Every structure is written in structure tokens, then in C-alpha cells.
Protein backbone atom coordinates (compact mmCIF):
# COMPACT_ATOMS: atom_id res chain seq x y z
CA UNK A 1 117.67 76.23 98.25
CA UNK A 2 118.39 72.99 96.41
CA UNK A 3 118.22 73.09 92.59
CA UNK A 4 116.18 70.47 90.75
CA UNK A 5 115.15 70.10 87.12
CA UNK A 6 112.32 72.15 85.62
CA UNK A 7 109.05 70.92 84.18
CA UNK A 8 106.75 73.35 82.34
CA UNK A 9 103.00 73.04 81.79
CA UNK A 10 100.71 75.57 80.09
CA UNK A 11 100.29 79.24 80.95
CA UNK A 12 97.25 80.90 81.21
CA UNK A 13 104.28 93.28 90.44
CA UNK A 14 100.99 99.31 88.75
CA UNK A 15 102.07 100.33 85.90
CA UNK A 16 100.53 101.06 82.49
CA UNK A 17 102.81 102.10 79.67
CA UNK A 18 101.44 104.36 76.97
CA UNK A 19 101.59 105.23 73.29
CA UNK A 20 102.01 108.97 73.92
CA UNK A 21 105.36 110.50 74.88
CA UNK A 22 104.83 111.47 78.50
CA UNK A 23 107.17 112.46 81.31
CA UNK A 24 107.50 114.55 84.46
CA UNK A 25 109.76 117.25 83.00
CA UNK A 26 107.23 120.05 83.60
CA UNK A 27 105.63 118.56 86.72
CA UNK A 28 106.15 119.82 90.27
CA UNK A 29 106.09 118.08 93.61
CA UNK A 30 103.10 119.59 95.43
CA UNK A 31 101.57 119.48 98.90
CA UNK A 32 99.23 121.57 101.02
CA UNK A 33 100.14 124.98 102.46
CA UNK A 34 101.54 123.26 105.58
CA UNK A 35 105.03 123.27 104.08
CA UNK A 36 107.39 125.74 102.44
CA UNK A 37 109.48 123.51 100.23
CA UNK A 38 110.04 119.79 100.82
CA UNK A 39 110.13 120.01 104.60
CA UNK A 40 108.74 117.39 107.01
CA UNK A 41 104.97 117.39 107.43
CA UNK A 42 102.74 115.54 109.86
CA UNK A 43 101.49 112.03 109.07
CA UNK A 44 98.02 111.59 107.61
CA UNK A 45 96.05 112.04 104.40
CA UNK A 46 95.45 115.11 102.23
CA UNK A 47 93.12 115.67 99.30
CA UNK A 48 93.96 117.22 95.92
CA UNK A 49 91.66 118.11 93.00
CA UNK A 50 92.05 119.41 89.46
CA UNK A 51 89.27 119.88 86.91
CA UNK A 52 89.13 120.38 83.16
CA UNK A 53 86.36 121.05 80.65
CA UNK A 54 86.62 119.14 77.36
CA UNK A 55 84.50 120.38 74.44
CA UNK A 56 82.85 118.28 71.76
CA UNK A 57 80.93 115.01 71.75
CA UNK A 58 83.67 112.36 71.59
CA UNK A 59 85.56 110.70 74.43
CA UNK A 60 89.24 111.50 74.96
CA UNK A 61 91.95 108.83 75.45
CA UNK A 62 94.08 110.01 78.35
CA UNK A 63 97.41 108.87 79.76
CA UNK A 64 98.38 109.56 83.36
CA UNK A 65 101.65 109.03 85.20
CA UNK A 66 101.61 109.66 88.92
CA UNK A 67 103.49 108.96 92.12
CA UNK A 68 103.44 110.18 95.69
CA UNK A 69 105.38 110.12 98.92
CA UNK A 70 104.14 107.88 100.53
CA UNK A 71 100.81 106.58 99.14
CA UNK A 72 98.15 107.79 96.72
CA UNK A 73 94.77 106.77 95.34
CA UNK A 74 93.58 108.39 92.10
CA UNK A 75 89.92 109.03 91.28
CA UNK A 76 88.44 110.42 88.07
CA UNK A 77 84.87 111.70 88.13
CA UNK A 78 84.29 109.85 91.39
CA UNK A 79 85.60 106.48 90.14
CA UNK A 80 88.70 104.94 91.69
CA UNK A 81 91.29 104.41 88.94
CA UNK A 82 94.37 103.13 90.75
CA UNK A 83 96.94 103.65 93.46
CA UNK A 84 100.66 103.57 94.22
CA UNK A 85 102.97 103.21 97.19
CA UNK A 86 106.54 103.85 95.96
CA UNK A 87 107.65 107.34 94.88
CA UNK A 88 110.72 105.87 93.18
CA UNK A 89 108.50 104.40 90.42
CA UNK A 90 105.63 106.08 88.57
CA UNK A 91 102.27 104.40 88.24
CA UNK A 92 100.61 104.88 84.87
CA UNK A 93 96.99 104.68 83.79
CA UNK A 94 95.17 104.98 80.48
CA UNK A 95 91.52 106.03 80.63
CA UNK A 96 88.75 107.69 78.63
CA UNK A 97 87.56 111.16 79.64
CA UNK A 98 84.04 112.26 78.80
CA UNK A 99 83.14 115.48 76.98
CA UNK A 100 82.32 118.23 79.43
CA UNK A 101 83.44 118.62 83.03
CA UNK A 102 86.03 116.13 84.39
CA UNK A 103 87.64 116.02 87.83
CA UNK A 104 90.88 114.38 88.91
CA UNK A 105 90.96 113.78 92.67
CA UNK A 106 93.83 112.26 94.64
CA UNK A 107 94.03 111.07 98.23
CA UNK A 108 97.70 111.26 99.28
CA UNK A 109 98.92 109.85 102.59
CA UNK A 110 102.11 110.62 104.46
CA UNK A 111 102.19 107.19 106.02
CA UNK A 112 104.93 107.23 108.63
CA UNK A 113 104.39 107.90 112.33
CA UNK A 114 106.72 110.90 112.50
CA UNK A 115 106.88 114.03 110.32
CA UNK A 116 108.65 113.40 106.99
CA UNK A 117 108.61 115.06 103.56
CA UNK A 118 105.51 114.26 101.51
CA UNK A 119 104.33 115.17 98.04
CA UNK A 120 102.34 114.41 94.91
CA UNK A 121 103.77 114.34 91.37
CA UNK A 122 101.74 113.80 88.21
CA UNK A 123 101.33 114.37 84.49
CA UNK A 124 98.05 113.97 82.60
CA UNK A 125 98.08 113.91 78.80
CA UNK A 126 94.77 114.17 76.95
CA UNK A 127 94.52 113.43 73.24
CA UNK A 128 91.75 114.75 71.00
CA UNK A 129 90.38 113.31 67.76
CA UNK A 130 92.77 115.42 65.67
CA UNK A 131 95.85 113.99 67.37
CA UNK A 132 96.58 117.08 69.46
CA UNK A 133 97.36 116.75 73.15
CA UNK A 134 96.57 118.85 76.19
CA UNK A 135 98.84 118.32 79.19
CA UNK A 136 98.05 118.90 82.85
CA UNK A 137 100.89 118.72 85.36
CA UNK A 138 100.99 118.84 89.14
CA UNK A 139 101.51 122.50 90.09
CA UNK A 140 99.78 125.32 91.92
CA UNK A 141 96.82 124.94 89.56
CA UNK A 142 95.69 122.02 91.70
CA UNK A 143 93.59 122.66 94.82
CA UNK A 144 94.51 121.09 98.14
CA UNK A 145 92.97 120.38 101.53
CA UNK A 146 94.53 119.31 104.83
CA UNK A 147 92.34 116.24 105.31
CA UNK A 148 90.07 114.11 103.13
CA UNK A 149 86.43 115.25 103.21
CA UNK A 150 83.72 112.70 102.50
CA UNK A 151 82.90 112.66 98.79
CA UNK A 152 85.89 114.80 97.84
CA UNK A 153 86.38 112.69 94.70
CA UNK A 154 82.89 113.36 93.30
CA UNK A 155 82.17 115.64 90.36
CA UNK A 156 79.69 117.73 92.34
CA UNK A 157 81.94 118.27 95.36
CA UNK A 158 82.52 121.96 96.13
CA UNK A 159 86.24 122.69 96.54
CA UNK A 160 85.79 126.45 96.31
CA UNK A 161 87.21 126.99 99.80
CA UNK A 162 90.31 124.88 99.16
CA UNK A 163 93.69 126.54 98.75
CA UNK A 164 96.04 126.28 95.77
CA UNK A 165 98.56 123.48 96.13
CA UNK A 166 101.98 124.51 97.37
CA UNK A 167 104.87 123.79 94.97
CA UNK A 168 107.65 122.06 96.91
CA UNK A 169 110.18 121.25 94.19
CA UNK A 170 110.70 120.62 90.50
CA UNK A 171 110.79 117.05 89.25
CA UNK A 172 114.17 115.63 90.24
CA UNK A 173 114.50 118.01 93.17
CA UNK A 174 113.95 117.78 96.89
CA UNK A 175 114.55 114.43 98.59
CA UNK A 176 112.90 112.46 95.78
CA UNK A 177 115.31 112.50 92.86
CA UNK A 178 114.26 111.19 89.46
CA UNK A 179 111.23 108.92 89.60
CA UNK A 180 111.41 106.08 87.08
CA UNK A 181 108.74 105.85 84.38
CA UNK A 182 107.99 102.25 83.34
CA UNK A 183 109.34 101.38 79.88
CA UNK A 184 107.27 100.04 77.02
CA UNK A 185 106.69 96.32 76.83
CA UNK A 186 109.50 94.30 75.26
CA UNK A 187 109.75 90.82 73.81
CA UNK A 188 111.28 89.59 77.08
CA UNK A 189 109.55 90.52 80.30
CA UNK A 190 111.98 91.81 82.91
CA UNK A 191 112.03 91.00 86.61
CA UNK A 192 114.19 94.01 87.47
CA UNK A 193 111.37 95.94 89.19
CA UNK A 194 110.01 92.89 91.02
CA UNK A 195 110.70 91.88 94.62
CA UNK A 196 111.50 88.56 96.22
CA UNK A 197 108.70 87.80 98.68
CA UNK A 198 107.85 85.10 101.21
CA UNK A 199 105.96 84.72 104.47
CA UNK A 200 107.16 86.45 107.65
CA UNK A 201 108.86 83.26 108.89
CA UNK A 202 112.36 84.15 107.66
CA UNK A 203 114.99 83.75 110.39
CA UNK A 204 118.70 84.37 109.81
CA UNK A 205 118.05 84.25 106.07
CA UNK A 206 116.38 80.83 106.15
CA UNK A 207 112.76 79.73 105.94
CA UNK A 208 110.98 76.61 107.20
CA UNK A 209 110.71 73.70 104.81
CA UNK A 210 107.29 73.42 103.18
CA UNK A 211 104.77 75.08 100.87
CA UNK A 212 103.17 78.50 101.10
CA UNK A 213 100.21 79.82 99.11
CA UNK A 214 100.36 83.29 97.50
CA UNK A 215 97.63 85.31 95.80
CA UNK A 216 97.32 88.59 93.92
CA UNK A 217 94.11 90.09 92.53
CA UNK A 218 94.58 92.86 89.96
CA UNK A 219 91.60 94.84 88.68
CA UNK A 220 91.86 97.08 85.63
CA UNK A 221 90.22 100.52 85.68
CA UNK A 222 86.59 100.75 84.53
CA UNK A 223 86.17 100.31 80.78
CA UNK A 224 89.35 98.29 80.32
CA UNK A 225 89.90 94.57 79.84
CA UNK A 226 92.86 92.38 78.97
CA UNK A 227 93.23 90.00 76.06
CA UNK A 228 96.61 88.45 76.91
CA UNK A 229 99.04 88.07 79.78
CA UNK A 230 102.79 87.62 80.00
CA UNK A 231 104.21 86.30 83.27
CA UNK A 232 107.85 85.90 84.32
CA UNK A 233 108.29 83.81 87.44
CA UNK A 234 110.70 81.77 89.52
CA UNK A 235 110.77 80.54 93.10
CA UNK A 236 113.32 79.15 95.51
CA UNK A 237 112.82 76.23 95.36
CA UNK A 238 109.70 75.31 93.36
CA UNK A 239 106.41 76.78 92.20
CA UNK A 240 103.11 75.95 90.57
CA UNK A 241 101.48 78.95 88.91
CA UNK A 242 97.72 79.42 88.51
CA UNK A 243 95.81 82.05 86.56
CA UNK A 244 92.04 82.36 86.86
CA UNK A 245 92.10 79.05 88.73
CA UNK A 246 93.95 77.08 86.04
CA UNK A 247 97.35 75.46 86.48
CA UNK A 248 99.62 77.05 83.89
CA UNK A 249 103.20 76.21 84.74
CA UNK A 250 105.62 74.68 87.24
CA UNK A 251 109.38 74.58 87.76
CA UNK A 252 111.96 73.50 90.35
CA UNK A 253 115.09 75.42 89.29
CA UNK A 254 115.12 78.93 90.73
CA UNK A 255 118.25 79.89 88.74
CA UNK A 256 116.18 80.18 85.53
CA UNK A 257 112.93 82.15 85.47
CA UNK A 258 110.20 81.04 83.10
CA UNK A 259 108.20 83.38 80.85
CA UNK A 260 104.71 82.45 79.68
CA UNK A 261 102.33 84.21 77.28
CA UNK A 262 98.63 83.35 77.10
CA UNK A 263 95.72 84.73 75.11
CA UNK A 264 92.74 85.24 77.41
CA UNK A 265 89.41 84.16 75.96
CA UNK A 266 87.08 85.67 76.93
CA UNK A 267 88.87 88.89 77.81
CA UNK A 268 88.63 89.92 81.44
CA UNK A 269 88.86 93.03 83.60
CA UNK A 270 90.14 91.23 86.71
CA UNK A 271 93.10 88.89 87.06
CA UNK A 272 93.51 86.35 89.87
CA UNK A 273 97.03 84.93 90.17
CA UNK A 274 97.85 82.21 92.69
CA UNK A 275 101.16 80.49 93.33
CA UNK A 276 102.00 77.43 95.39
CA UNK A 277 105.66 77.96 96.30
CA UNK A 278 107.74 75.34 98.11
CA UNK A 279 110.98 75.61 100.06
CA UNK A 280 113.17 72.49 100.25
CA UNK A 281 115.81 74.00 102.54
CA UNK A 282 117.62 77.24 103.40
CA UNK A 283 116.47 80.56 101.89
CA UNK A 284 113.08 80.80 100.20
CA UNK A 285 111.53 83.34 97.86
CA UNK A 286 109.08 84.02 95.05
CA UNK A 287 109.49 86.66 92.35
CA UNK A 288 106.96 87.48 89.62
CA UNK A 289 106.37 90.16 86.97
CA UNK A 290 103.15 90.40 84.95
CA UNK A 291 102.17 92.38 81.85
CA UNK A 292 98.59 92.54 80.61
CA UNK A 293 97.74 93.75 77.11
CA UNK A 294 94.63 95.88 77.38
CA UNK A 295 91.85 95.68 74.81
CA UNK A 296 91.49 99.43 74.79
CA UNK A 297 92.14 102.22 72.30
CA UNK A 298 94.80 103.73 74.51
CA UNK A 299 96.85 100.72 73.35
CA UNK A 300 98.44 100.35 76.76
CA UNK A 301 99.98 97.56 78.79
CA UNK A 302 99.22 97.11 82.49
CA UNK A 303 101.95 95.64 84.66
CA UNK A 304 102.47 94.60 88.25
CA UNK A 305 105.10 92.73 90.25
CA UNK A 306 105.55 90.87 93.49
CA UNK A 307 105.55 93.33 96.39
CA UNK A 308 103.94 93.84 99.77
CA UNK A 309 100.44 93.94 98.26
CA UNK A 310 100.53 90.20 97.56
CA UNK A 311 98.85 87.91 100.10
CA UNK A 312 100.41 84.80 101.67
CA UNK A 313 99.35 82.07 104.07
CA UNK A 314 101.46 79.46 105.79
CA UNK A 315 98.79 76.85 105.11
CA UNK A 316 97.50 75.75 101.71
CA UNK A 317 93.69 76.00 101.80
CA UNK A 318 91.68 73.86 99.41
CA UNK A 319 90.69 75.88 96.35
CA UNK A 320 93.05 78.78 97.16
CA UNK A 321 93.80 79.18 93.44
CA UNK A 322 90.16 79.83 92.50
CA UNK A 323 89.11 83.30 91.30
CA UNK A 324 87.42 85.22 94.07
CA UNK A 325 88.84 83.03 96.84
CA UNK A 326 88.57 84.88 100.17
CA UNK A 327 92.13 85.80 101.17
CA UNK A 328 91.11 88.70 103.41
CA UNK A 329 92.59 87.01 106.49
CA UNK A 330 95.92 86.20 104.81
CA UNK A 331 99.08 88.08 105.71
CA UNK A 332 100.69 90.70 103.53
CA UNK A 333 103.73 89.16 101.85
CA UNK A 334 107.11 89.90 103.41
CA UNK A 335 109.41 91.71 100.95
CA UNK A 336 112.91 90.21 101.17
CA UNK A 337 114.54 92.49 98.62
CA UNK A 338 114.57 93.72 95.03
CA UNK A 339 115.58 91.61 92.05
CA UNK A 340 119.33 91.08 92.17
CA UNK A 341 119.54 90.80 95.95
CA UNK A 342 121.43 87.86 97.46
CA UNK A 343 121.44 84.94 97.59
CA UNK A 344 119.68 84.87 94.20
CA UNK A 345 121.45 87.55 92.19
CA UNK A 346 120.39 88.36 88.62
CA UNK A 347 118.23 85.44 87.53
CA UNK A 348 117.81 85.22 83.72
CA UNK A 349 114.37 84.96 82.11
CA UNK A 350 113.71 82.33 79.45
CA UNK A 351 112.31 83.04 76.00
CA UNK A 352 108.54 83.28 75.92
CA UNK A 353 106.37 80.18 75.65
CA UNK A 354 103.19 81.09 73.75
CA UNK A 355 99.90 79.42 74.65
CA UNK A 356 96.75 79.89 72.59
């Protein structure tokens, strides 16, 4: 955990913030008819569907905020849009809906091995060409099924035998409290929602001396691409940051996080971030937050942070920073704690360094 001086090169954890005002105030926590209120339910996955018909000939920009206890994957018209695994924080998405029949389908998993409360919470806001909005919330208007039938996410799937979703609680009620909605992007990217991560070698708060390789691949929903990225990062003790295979920055003072902004040419729909992080002694950790400006008329910003979905290996394979590198055999990163946890505390983030 030694502190050395910093040297900065060039820059090259899902949320998406939105231009519409959107919240959960009218949304309900829902589940299947297995429960009466937010009572424990058996582990496993359930399916939910909601459809809407949109008249006209133009596409509709649509904002979605959604969360679930424990895990969810959202599909629209058979296409996977995104997922989430923390009911304390909403995941947001901005997509186009087509004129005509549209279907929202969600696979929700109660992921523990014993019965616990489970639920789905969501708001969908659809904007037409005249600036008016139509809002869909999670309530008994959704249909539910105890299981996940093959093809349940498809437009043509017949859910006529499914039962109405059971309302468990209002937003803010039950065991869930108030789920946070990600704020709009600011001039300084915050690490407050990010986690310190490392390999699973931590013992009594300390990690072996040496370097570890980390990777995160982030794909935007279909039809979206990003034109610029902002990354806040620090590591105990040192890091080298790569984006799309290019070295973009390094530092050796974990007490000051760096913030980089880069304009991506050409724009891309998939981001590959790799970090070589090195521990000199004592505790070790890596913390990162990323915002991507989307080239998309929803005018949204996609964000992600270090969490358990990042990959790590105790070796440093040649070419690990390259886009598309096969990290399928790497371990899931070990989450040590949220920003602010000891021994690191509240690490400040530097002013942005802009790279064209």
C-alpha cells in the first residue's frame, strides 16, 4: 500500500441516465401469485411480460428504469437489452420502440439457496413525436409465470394462460426501501457507486505482492453506439489502463483518482476495458467508474462501475488488453467493499483530462 508519484499518459461499474423525468413513484414491486405481499419465495427464475401497441409510422424514444431482487434480464421484442443484480440501484436503458406491437419481457431470478423475498420494479416512459409521454409501471397489468418458458421473450409467444402479476408493495415499501436512480452526468465523474475489487487472494486484509490483470466488456443495446468515454480510476498501488487495446493512462498514487475523457473515433457499440493493477505491499484494490456518451437521440449516458461482473486473473497473459481477448476462464472479481470503505476512505477524483 506504498504511495509513489503519479505519471499520466493518454486516455482512450448499468446505468443509463435519461433526458425525461422518470421515477418509481407510481411503480409497484411485483411477483408471481406464489406470494401475498413481500414474503419469502422459493429460489429460481420467473418470467414477466407486458405489451403495448404504438400507432403511427415513426419510432418512439423510450426510457426504462428497472431493478429486481435478486437478478433480472430485460428483453424487448425478443432482443436482450440489459440486466441488473442489485435492487438498491436502478438500471436504466434508452431504446427505440417500433410502431405497432411491442413486448417487454423480463427474466427475474431469486438467486439465493433458501426462500427470501423477491420482486421486480420498473418504469417505462415512451415519448411520441409531439413530446407527449406514455408511462408503463410495474403493476398487476403485467403477466407472470412461475418458470421461464423457452422463447418467452419473443413477440409471437402466447402468454394467454399466464396470470396477472401479484402486487407485493409500493415503491419504498416491503424489505426494499427506496431504490436509487442514477443521477445525470456531471463535469466530475464520481466513484461513489463503484466497488474496490481484487482477486480472491486477500488474507487478513492483505494481498500478495505482484500484478493482476482485470477486464470488463460492456455492450450497448442494439442501435446504440458511444462517441466518448469518461473514466475515473485508481488502484492500490499502481495501474495501467487500456481501452480498446490502447494504453491510455497510468498512476502510482492511490490517494488521488484520475479522470480521463476521450472522443472515440470511430464510434463503437462495445467497450473493452483492461487494467494491469499492481500491489507493492499490504492491501490491494482497484476502483473504476465509466460513463459513455451515446450517439443516440435518447441523449443518454451509459455508465458502469467495478463490481463482481469484472474478470480477473492472477497471471498477466500476453495481449490480455486486446479487444475480444478470451477471458472466459478468468475468475469473477472479488468485491472488497464500496467506495469509502477502509483502508482507502473517500478518494478524491482529479479534474478531467481531455484527449481528442
